[in-house]
Amino acid sequence: KAQLVDLSQYSTKSLEWLMMEHFQFSYANVGFLADAVKATTAFDTDAVKTELIRNHGEESGHATIYRDALKRINVDLDIRVEFVPTTQFLKTINILSNHEPSTVLGSMFATETAAIFEHQVFREVSKEVIKRGNWGDKGEKLVWFHDMHLAGVEQSHRDELGIFLRGLSPEQILVTQEGDRPTIDVQQALKGAYQAIETMVVWWNAMLTEAQAISKN
């Protein structure tokens, strides 16, 4: 995030490119959530699955809104060229979304937590691109898209999944079902979270390196 505080070091082309890459996750995330719902059916309570169904319902249709908002400021996703680190990132999240349920819970908690940071960053990126292009009212939908997620959507997704992980410690192996909370393999949950974080860090580092290279051309 620190590398994106001063957006003046990035060209408009590079900022538009970053938004196109971020869209790829927004588009794919609905599928990841659908897979996570199926995977967490294996838990011995329905609480995690129910929360993921809610998340899936709230995210459905968001990619269409995002695409339209980008199009309004002349960011054309149809001209995007594949960026291999994004492809690899999405493949990894796809694998984690189809793992055993505790791994899925950990990885989904990690991605929902990161989504807050991402929408904060891309809200500022959007405002910068809109200002540079003098897009005015045409850019309002794009800023609103990020505001919508930051007005409680992503925080709720993180917090509601976090309920199931609250109080767990890395020293634990297995916690048995209690109330709505299912039996959780703590080590698998940690593994899922760490793997998701690791692949997000790799992805972000690759994107920032590419954005800096684009800015120099």
C-alpha atoms as a PDB file:
ATOM      1  CA  LYS A   1       0.000   0.000   0.000  1.00  0.00           C
ATOM      2  CA  ALA A   2       2.880   2.348   0.774  1.00  0.00           C
ATOM      3  CA  GLN A   3       4.029   2.138  -2.840  1.00  0.00           C
ATOM      4  CA  LEU A   4       0.679   3.547  -3.969  1.00  0.00           C
ATOM      5  CA  VAL A   5       0.499   6.511  -1.613  1.00  0.00           C
ATOM      6  CA  ASP A   6       2.132   8.811  -4.169  1.00  0.00           C
ATOM      7  CA  LEU A   7       0.275   8.074  -7.393  1.00  0.00           C
ATOM      8  CA  SER A   8       2.095  10.846  -9.255  1.00  0.00           C
ATOM      9  CA  GLN A   9       4.949   8.402  -9.917  1.00  0.00           C
ATOM     10  CA  TYR A  10       2.636   6.240 -12.031  1.00  0.00           C
ATOM     11  CA  SER A  11       1.458   7.037 -15.538  1.00  0.00           C
ATOM     12  CA  THR A  12      -2.253   7.084 -16.308  1.00  0.00           C
ATOM     13  CA  LYS A  13      -1.742   4.058 -18.539  1.00  0.00           C
ATOM     14  CA  SER A  14      -0.222   2.102 -15.659  1.00  0.00           C
ATOM     15  CA  LEU A  15      -3.042   3.022 -13.277  1.00  0.00           C
ATOM     16  CA  GLU A  16      -5.624   1.974 -15.843  1.00  0.00           C
ATOM     17  CA  TRP A  17      -3.719  -1.276 -16.268  1.00  0.00           C
ATOM     18  CA  LEU A  18      -3.821  -1.896 -12.508  1.00  0.00           C
ATOM     19  CA  MET A  19      -7.593  -1.443 -12.509  1.00  0.00           C
ATOM     20  CA  MET A  20      -7.951  -3.949 -15.338  1.00  0.00           C
ATOM     21  CA  GLU A  21      -5.960  -6.514 -13.368  1.00  0.00           C
ATOM     22  CA  HIS A  22      -7.981  -5.899 -10.209  1.00  0.00           C
ATOM     23  CA  PHE A  23     -11.147  -6.447 -12.217  1.00  0.00           C
ATOM     24  CA  GLN A  24      -9.973  -9.986 -13.001  1.00  0.00           C
ATOM     25  CA  PHE A  25     -10.259 -10.943  -9.340  1.00  0.00           C
ATOM     26  CA  SER A  26     -13.616  -9.213  -8.985  1.00  0.00           C
ATOM     27  CA  TYR A  27     -14.873 -11.224 -11.951  1.00  0.00           C
ATOM     28  CA  ALA A  28     -13.468 -14.540 -10.716  1.00  0.00           C
ATOM     29  CA  ASN A  29     -14.383 -14.089  -7.057  1.00  0.00           C
ATOM     30  CA  VAL A  30     -18.029 -15.059  -7.534  1.00  0.00           C
ATOM     31  CA  GLY A  31     -16.873 -18.437  -8.805  1.00  0.00           C
ATOM     32  CA  PHE A  32     -14.449 -18.812  -5.914  1.00  0.00           C
ATOM     33  CA  LEU A  33     -17.246 -18.132  -3.443  1.00  0.00           C
ATOM     34  CA  ALA A  34     -19.538 -20.629  -5.172  1.00  0.00           C
ATOM     35  CA  ASP A  35     -16.818 -23.276  -4.912  1.00  0.00           C
ATOM     36  CA  ALA A  36     -16.214 -22.362  -1.276  1.00  0.00           C
ATOM     37  CA  VAL A  37     -19.909 -22.874  -0.527  1.00  0.00           C
ATOM     38  CA  LYS A  38     -19.708 -26.397  -1.933  1.00  0.00           C
ATOM     39  CA  ALA A  39     -16.496 -27.194  -0.070  1.00  0.00           C
ATOM     40  CA  THR A  40     -17.774 -26.002   3.316  1.00  0.00           C
ATOM     41  CA  THR A  41     -20.839 -28.220   3.036  1.00  0.00           C
ATOM     42  CA  ALA A  42     -18.504 -30.840   4.528  1.00  0.00           C
ATOM     43  CA  PHE A  43     -18.426 -28.990   7.866  1.00  0.00           C
ATOM     44  CA  ASP A  44     -20.596 -30.437  10.656  1.00  0.00           C
ATOM     45  CA  THR A  45     -22.670 -27.240  10.894  1.00  0.00           C
ATOM     46  CA  ASP A  46     -24.088 -25.083   8.082  1.00  0.00           C
ATOM     47  CA  ALA A  47     -22.985 -21.748   9.553  1.00  0.00           C
ATOM     48  CA  VAL A  48     -19.882 -21.186   7.409  1.00  0.00           C
ATOM     49  CA  LYS A  49     -21.674 -22.305   4.273  1.00  0.00           C
ATOM     50  CA  THR A  50     -24.595 -19.987   5.066  1.00  0.00           C
ATOM     51  CA  GLU A  51     -22.255 -17.018   5.478  1.00  0.00           C
ATOM     52  CA  LEU A  52     -20.492 -17.792   2.206  1.00  0.00           C
ATOM     53  CA  ILE A  53     -23.855 -18.065   0.441  1.00  0.00           C
ATOM     54  CA  ARG A  54     -24.622 -14.552   1.718  1.00  0.00           C
ATOM     55  CA  ASN A  55     -21.257 -13.301   0.492  1.00  0.00           C
ATOM     56  CA  HIS A  56     -21.807 -14.920  -2.893  1.00  0.00           C
ATOM     57  CA  GLY A  57     -25.211 -13.273  -3.219  1.00  0.00           C
ATOM     58  CA  GLU A  58     -23.806  -9.848  -2.394  1.00  0.00           C
ATOM     59  CA  GLU A  59     -20.908 -10.180  -4.833  1.00  0.00           C
ATOM     60  CA  SER A  60     -22.986 -11.516  -7.734  1.00  0.00           C
ATOM     61  CA  GLY A  61     -23.380  -8.834 -10.366  1.00  0.00           C
ATOM     62  CA  HIS A  62     -20.584  -6.644  -9.021  1.00  0.00           C
ATOM     63  CA  ALA A  63     -18.216  -7.475 -11.872  1.00  0.00           C
ATOM     64  CA  THR A  64     -20.809  -6.219 -14.366  1.00  0.00           C
ATOM     65  CA  ILE A  65     -21.084  -2.952 -12.444  1.00  0.00           C
ATOM     66  CA  TYR A  66     -17.295  -2.659 -12.291  1.00  0.00           C
ATOM     67  CA  ARG A  67     -16.894  -3.299 -16.022  1.00  0.00           C
ATOM     68  CA  ASP A  68     -19.488  -0.660 -16.878  1.00  0.00           C
ATOM     69  CA  ALA A  69     -17.925   1.865 -14.504  1.00  0.00           C
ATOM     70  CA  LEU A  70     -14.503   1.338 -16.085  1.00  0.00           C
ATOM     71  CA  LYS A  71     -15.947   1.639 -19.575  1.00  0.00           C
ATOM     72  CA  ARG A  72     -17.395   5.044 -18.691  1.00  0.00           C
ATOM     73  CA  ILE A  73     -13.870   6.401 -18.240  1.00  0.00           C
ATOM     74  CA  ASN A  74     -12.628   4.651 -21.369  1.00  0.00           C
ATOM     75  CA  VAL A  75     -10.884   1.719 -19.675  1.00  0.00           C
ATOM     76  CA  ASP A  76     -11.616  -1.061 -22.148  1.00  0.00           C
ATOM     77  CA  LEU A  77     -11.236  -4.517 -20.635  1.00  0.00           C
ATOM     78  CA  ASP A  78     -11.540  -6.111 -24.062  1.00  0.00           C
ATOM     79  CA  ILE A  79      -8.054  -4.912 -25.004  1.00  0.00           C
ATOM     80  CA  ARG A  80      -6.425  -6.474 -21.939  1.00  0.00           C
ATOM     81  CA  VAL A  81      -3.512  -8.807 -22.582  1.00  0.00           C
ATOM     82  CA  GLU A  82      -3.031 -11.709 -20.173  1.00  0.00           C
ATOM     83  CA  PHE A  83      -0.685 -10.978 -17.282  1.00  0.00           C
ATOM     84  CA  VAL A  84       0.734 -14.331 -16.181  1.00  0.00           C
ATOM     85  CA  PRO A  85       1.077 -13.451 -12.453  1.00  0.00           C
ATOM     86  CA  THR A  86      -2.643 -12.637 -12.377  1.00  0.00           C
ATOM     87  CA  THR A  87      -3.441 -15.946 -14.044  1.00  0.00           C
ATOM     88  CA  GLN A  88      -1.286 -17.791 -11.510  1.00  0.00           C
ATOM     89  CA  PHE A  89      -2.839 -15.883  -8.614  1.00  0.00           C
ATOM     90  CA  LEU A  90      -6.351 -16.801  -9.740  1.00  0.00           C
ATOM     91  CA  LYS A  91      -5.330 -20.439 -10.195  1.00  0.00           C
ATOM     92  CA  THR A  92      -4.014 -20.574  -6.644  1.00  0.00           C
ATOM     93  CA  ILE A  93      -7.152 -19.019  -5.143  1.00  0.00           C
ATOM     94  CA  ASN A  94      -9.220 -21.448  -7.201  1.00  0.00           C
ATOM     95  CA  ILE A  95      -7.300 -24.382  -5.707  1.00  0.00           C
ATOM     96  CA  LEU A  96      -7.728 -23.003  -2.187  1.00  0.00           C
ATOM     97  CA  SER A  97     -11.464 -22.514  -2.774  1.00  0.00           C
ATOM     98  CA  ASN A  98     -11.833 -26.188  -3.608  1.00  0.00           C
ATOM     99  CA  HIS A  99      -9.788 -27.570  -0.721  1.00  0.00           C
ATOM    100  CA  GLU A 100     -10.970 -29.202   2.475  1.00  0.00           C
ATOM    101  CA  PRO A 101     -13.345 -26.944   4.460  1.00  0.00           C
ATOM    102  CA  SER A 102     -10.974 -25.590   7.117  1.00  0.00           C
ATOM    103  CA  THR A 103      -8.473 -24.544   4.451  1.00  0.00           C
ATOM    104  CA  VAL A 104     -11.285 -22.864   2.532  1.00  0.00           C
ATOM    105  CA  LEU A 105     -12.427 -20.971   5.633  1.00  0.00           C
ATOM    106  CA  GLY A 106      -8.916 -19.673   6.290  1.00  0.00           C
ATOM    107  CA  SER A 107      -8.304 -18.634   2.702  1.00  0.00           C
ATOM    108  CA  MET A 108     -11.682 -16.929   2.303  1.00  0.00           C
ATOM    109  CA  PHE A 109     -11.135 -14.986   5.525  1.00  0.00           C
ATOM    110  CA  ALA A 110      -7.770 -13.821   4.177  1.00  0.00           C
ATOM    111  CA  THR A 111      -9.123 -12.700   0.799  1.00  0.00           C
ATOM    112  CA  GLU A 112     -12.099 -10.903   2.364  1.00  0.00           C
ATOM    113  CA  THR A 113      -9.737  -9.087   4.736  1.00  0.00           C
ATOM    114  CA  ALA A 114      -7.472  -8.078   1.844  1.00  0.00           C
ATOM    115  CA  ALA A 115     -10.473  -6.852  -0.143  1.00  0.00           C
ATOM    116  CA  ILE A 116     -10.861  -3.931   2.271  1.00  0.00           C
ATOM    117  CA  PHE A 117      -7.324  -2.755   1.566  1.00  0.00           C
ATOM    118  CA  GLU A 118      -7.776  -3.304  -2.177  1.00  0.00           C
ATOM    119  CA  HIS A 119     -10.930  -1.206  -2.397  1.00  0.00           C
ATOM    120  CA  GLN A 120      -9.251   1.561  -0.385  1.00  0.00           C
ATOM    121  CA  VAL A 121      -6.321   1.557  -2.799  1.00  0.00           C
ATOM    122  CA  PHE A 122      -8.400   1.373  -5.954  1.00  0.00           C
ATOM    123  CA  ARG A 123     -10.749   4.087  -4.764  1.00  0.00           C
ATOM    124  CA  GLU A 124      -7.750   6.428  -4.733  1.00  0.00           C
ATOM    125  CA  VAL A 125      -6.442   5.066  -8.044  1.00  0.00           C
ATOM    126  CA  SER A 126      -9.867   5.638  -9.588  1.00  0.00           C
ATOM    127  CA  LYS A 127     -10.073   9.201  -8.304  1.00  0.00           C
ATOM    128  CA  GLU A 128      -6.610   9.937  -9.702  1.00  0.00           C
ATOM    129  CA  VAL A 129      -7.436   8.572 -13.162  1.00  0.00           C
ATOM    130  CA  ILE A 130     -10.759  10.437 -13.187  1.00  0.00           C
ATOM    131  CA  LYS A 131      -9.003  13.687 -12.243  1.00  0.00           C
ATOM    132  CA  ARG A 132      -6.297  13.292 -14.877  1.00  0.00           C
ATOM    133  CA  GLY A 133      -8.805  12.500 -17.596  1.00  0.00           C
ATOM    134  CA  ASN A 134     -11.272  15.207 -16.547  1.00  0.00           C
ATOM    135  CA  TRP A 135     -13.980  12.553 -16.504  1.00  0.00           C
ATOM    136  CA  GLY A 136     -16.111  14.367 -13.953  1.00  0.00           C
ATOM    137  CA  ASP A 137     -19.566  12.827 -13.547  1.00  0.00           C
ATOM    138  CA  LYS A 138     -18.643   9.894 -15.778  1.00  0.00           C
ATOM    139  CA  GLY A 139     -16.309   8.675 -13.055  1.00  0.00           C
ATOM    140  CA  GLU A 140     -18.821   8.809 -10.222  1.00  0.00           C
ATOM    141  CA  LYS A 141     -20.001   5.226 -10.689  1.00  0.00           C
ATOM    142  CA  LEU A 142     -16.452   3.907 -10.361  1.00  0.00           C
ATOM    143  CA  VAL A 143     -15.806   5.728  -7.083  1.00  0.00           C
ATOM    144  CA  TRP A 144     -19.238   4.633  -5.846  1.00  0.00           C
ATOM    145  CA  PHE A 145     -18.370   1.005  -6.652  1.00  0.00           C
ATOM    146  CA  HIS A 146     -15.469   1.118  -4.200  1.00  0.00           C
ATOM    147  CA  ASP A 147     -17.414   3.204  -1.671  1.00  0.00           C
ATOM    148  CA  MET A 148     -20.169   0.576  -1.714  1.00  0.00           C
ATOM    149  CA  HIS A 149     -17.717  -2.131  -0.693  1.00  0.00           C
ATOM    150  CA  LEU A 150     -16.110   0.067   1.942  1.00  0.00           C
ATOM    151  CA  ALA A 151     -19.469   1.064   3.446  1.00  0.00           C
ATOM    152  CA  GLY A 152     -19.700  -2.254   5.255  1.00  0.00           C
ATOM    153  CA  VAL A 153     -19.898  -4.989   2.625  1.00  0.00           C
ATOM    154  CA  GLU A 154     -16.308  -6.205   2.874  1.00  0.00           C
ATOM    155  CA  GLN A 155     -16.009  -5.482   6.588  1.00  0.00           C
ATOM    156  CA  SER A 156     -19.098  -7.605   7.197  1.00  0.00           C
ATOM    157  CA  HIS A 157     -17.736 -10.455   5.081  1.00  0.00           C
ATOM    158  CA  ARG A 158     -14.481 -10.399   7.041  1.00  0.00           C
ATOM    159  CA  ASP A 159     -16.091 -10.074  10.458  1.00  0.00           C
ATOM    160  CA  GLU A 160     -18.740 -12.747   9.942  1.00  0.00           C
ATOM    161  CA  LEU A 161     -16.166 -15.287   8.747  1.00  0.00           C
ATOM    162  CA  GLY A 162     -13.830 -14.187  11.518  1.00  0.00           C
ATOM    163  CA  ILE A 163     -16.381 -15.245  14.129  1.00  0.00           C
ATOM    164  CA  PHE A 164     -15.576 -18.881  13.364  1.00  0.00           C
ATOM    165  CA  LEU A 165     -11.838 -18.300  13.839  1.00  0.00           C
ATOM    166  CA  ARG A 166     -12.017 -16.101  16.918  1.00  0.00           C
ATOM    167  CA  GLY A 167     -10.156 -17.452  19.923  1.00  0.00           C
ATOM    168  CA  LEU A 168      -8.248 -20.093  17.991  1.00  0.00           C
ATOM    169  CA  SER A 169      -4.486 -20.289  18.505  1.00  0.00           C
ATOM    170  CA  PRO A 170      -1.687 -21.679  16.303  1.00  0.00           C
ATOM    171  CA  GLU A 171      -0.881 -24.243  19.001  1.00  0.00           C
ATOM    172  CA  GLN A 172      -4.236 -25.956  18.568  1.00  0.00           C
ATOM    173  CA  ILE A 173      -4.695 -28.884  16.220  1.00  0.00           C
ATOM    174  CA  LEU A 174      -8.453 -29.363  16.167  1.00  0.00           C
ATOM    175  CA  VAL A 175     -11.342 -27.531  17.807  1.00  0.00           C
ATOM    176  CA  THR A 176     -14.595 -29.413  18.098  1.00  0.00           C
ATOM    177  CA  GLN A 177     -18.000 -28.129  17.103  1.00  0.00           C
ATOM    178  CA  GLU A 178     -19.528 -25.614  19.502  1.00  0.00           C
ATOM    179  CA  GLY A 179     -22.842 -23.932  18.764  1.00  0.00           C
ATOM    180  CA  ASP A 180     -22.819 -22.753  15.153  1.00  0.00           C
ATOM    181  CA  ARG A 181     -19.070 -23.075  14.885  1.00  0.00           C
ATOM    182  CA  PRO A 182     -18.118 -26.318  13.158  1.00  0.00           C
ATOM    183  CA  THR A 183     -15.233 -28.599  13.989  1.00  0.00           C
ATOM    184  CA  ILE A 184     -12.204 -26.799  12.575  1.00  0.00           C
ATOM    185  CA  ASP A 185      -8.788 -28.167  11.730  1.00  0.00           C
ATOM    186  CA  VAL A 186      -6.824 -25.175  12.996  1.00  0.00           C
ATOM    187  CA  GLN A 187      -3.642 -26.070  11.154  1.00  0.00           C
ATOM    188  CA  GLN A 188      -5.498 -26.368   7.853  1.00  0.00           C
ATOM    189  CA  ALA A 189      -7.271 -23.049   8.469  1.00  0.00           C
ATOM    190  CA  LEU A 190      -3.925 -21.371   9.126  1.00  0.00           C
ATOM    191  CA  LYS A 191      -2.436 -23.025   6.064  1.00  0.00           C
ATOM    192  CA  GLY A 192      -5.273 -21.713   3.899  1.00  0.00           C
ATOM    193  CA  ALA A 193      -4.897 -18.189   5.267  1.00  0.00           C
ATOM    194  CA  TYR A 194      -1.119 -18.137   4.889  1.00  0.00           C
ATOM    195  CA  GLN A 195      -1.211 -19.547   1.365  1.00  0.00           C
ATOM    196  CA  ALA A 196      -3.814 -16.976   0.327  1.00  0.00           C
ATOM    197  CA  ILE A 197      -1.774 -14.155   1.845  1.00  0.00           C
ATOM    198  CA  GLU A 198       1.407 -15.409   0.217  1.00  0.00           C
ATOM    199  CA  THR A 199      -0.117 -15.596  -3.258  1.00  0.00           C
ATOM    200  CA  MET A 200      -1.691 -12.145  -2.838  1.00  0.00           C
ATOM    201  CA  VAL A 201       1.673 -10.651  -1.858  1.00  0.00           C
ATOM    202  CA  VAL A 202       3.363 -12.254  -4.875  1.00  0.00           C
ATOM    203  CA  TRP A 203       0.588 -10.965  -7.152  1.00  0.00           C
ATOM    204  CA  TRP A 204       0.712  -7.444  -5.789  1.00  0.00           C
ATOM    205  CA  ASN A 205       4.496  -7.265  -6.022  1.00  0.00           C
ATOM    206  CA  ALA A 206       4.324  -8.415  -9.639  1.00  0.00           C
ATOM    207  CA  MET A 207       1.613  -5.875 -10.464  1.00  0.00           C
ATOM    208  CA  LEU A 208       3.515  -2.996  -8.892  1.00  0.00           C
ATOM    209  CA  THR A 209       6.700  -3.961 -10.725  1.00  0.00           C
ATOM    210  CA  GLU A 210       4.799  -4.062 -14.012  1.00  0.00           C
ATOM    211  CA  ALA A 211       3.016  -0.774 -13.293  1.00  0.00           C
ATOM    212  CA  GLN A 212       6.364   0.894 -12.639  1.00  0.00           C
ATOM    213  CA  ALA A 213       7.738  -0.524 -15.903  1.00  0.00           C
ATOM    214  CA  ILE A 214       4.704   0.735 -17.835  1.00  0.00           C
ATOM    215  CA  SER A 215       5.180   4.177 -16.302  1.00  0.00           C
ATOM    216  CA  LYS A 216       8.763   4.338 -17.585  1.00  0.00           C
ATOM    217  CA  ASN A 217       7.806   3.544 -21.188  1.00  0.00           C
END
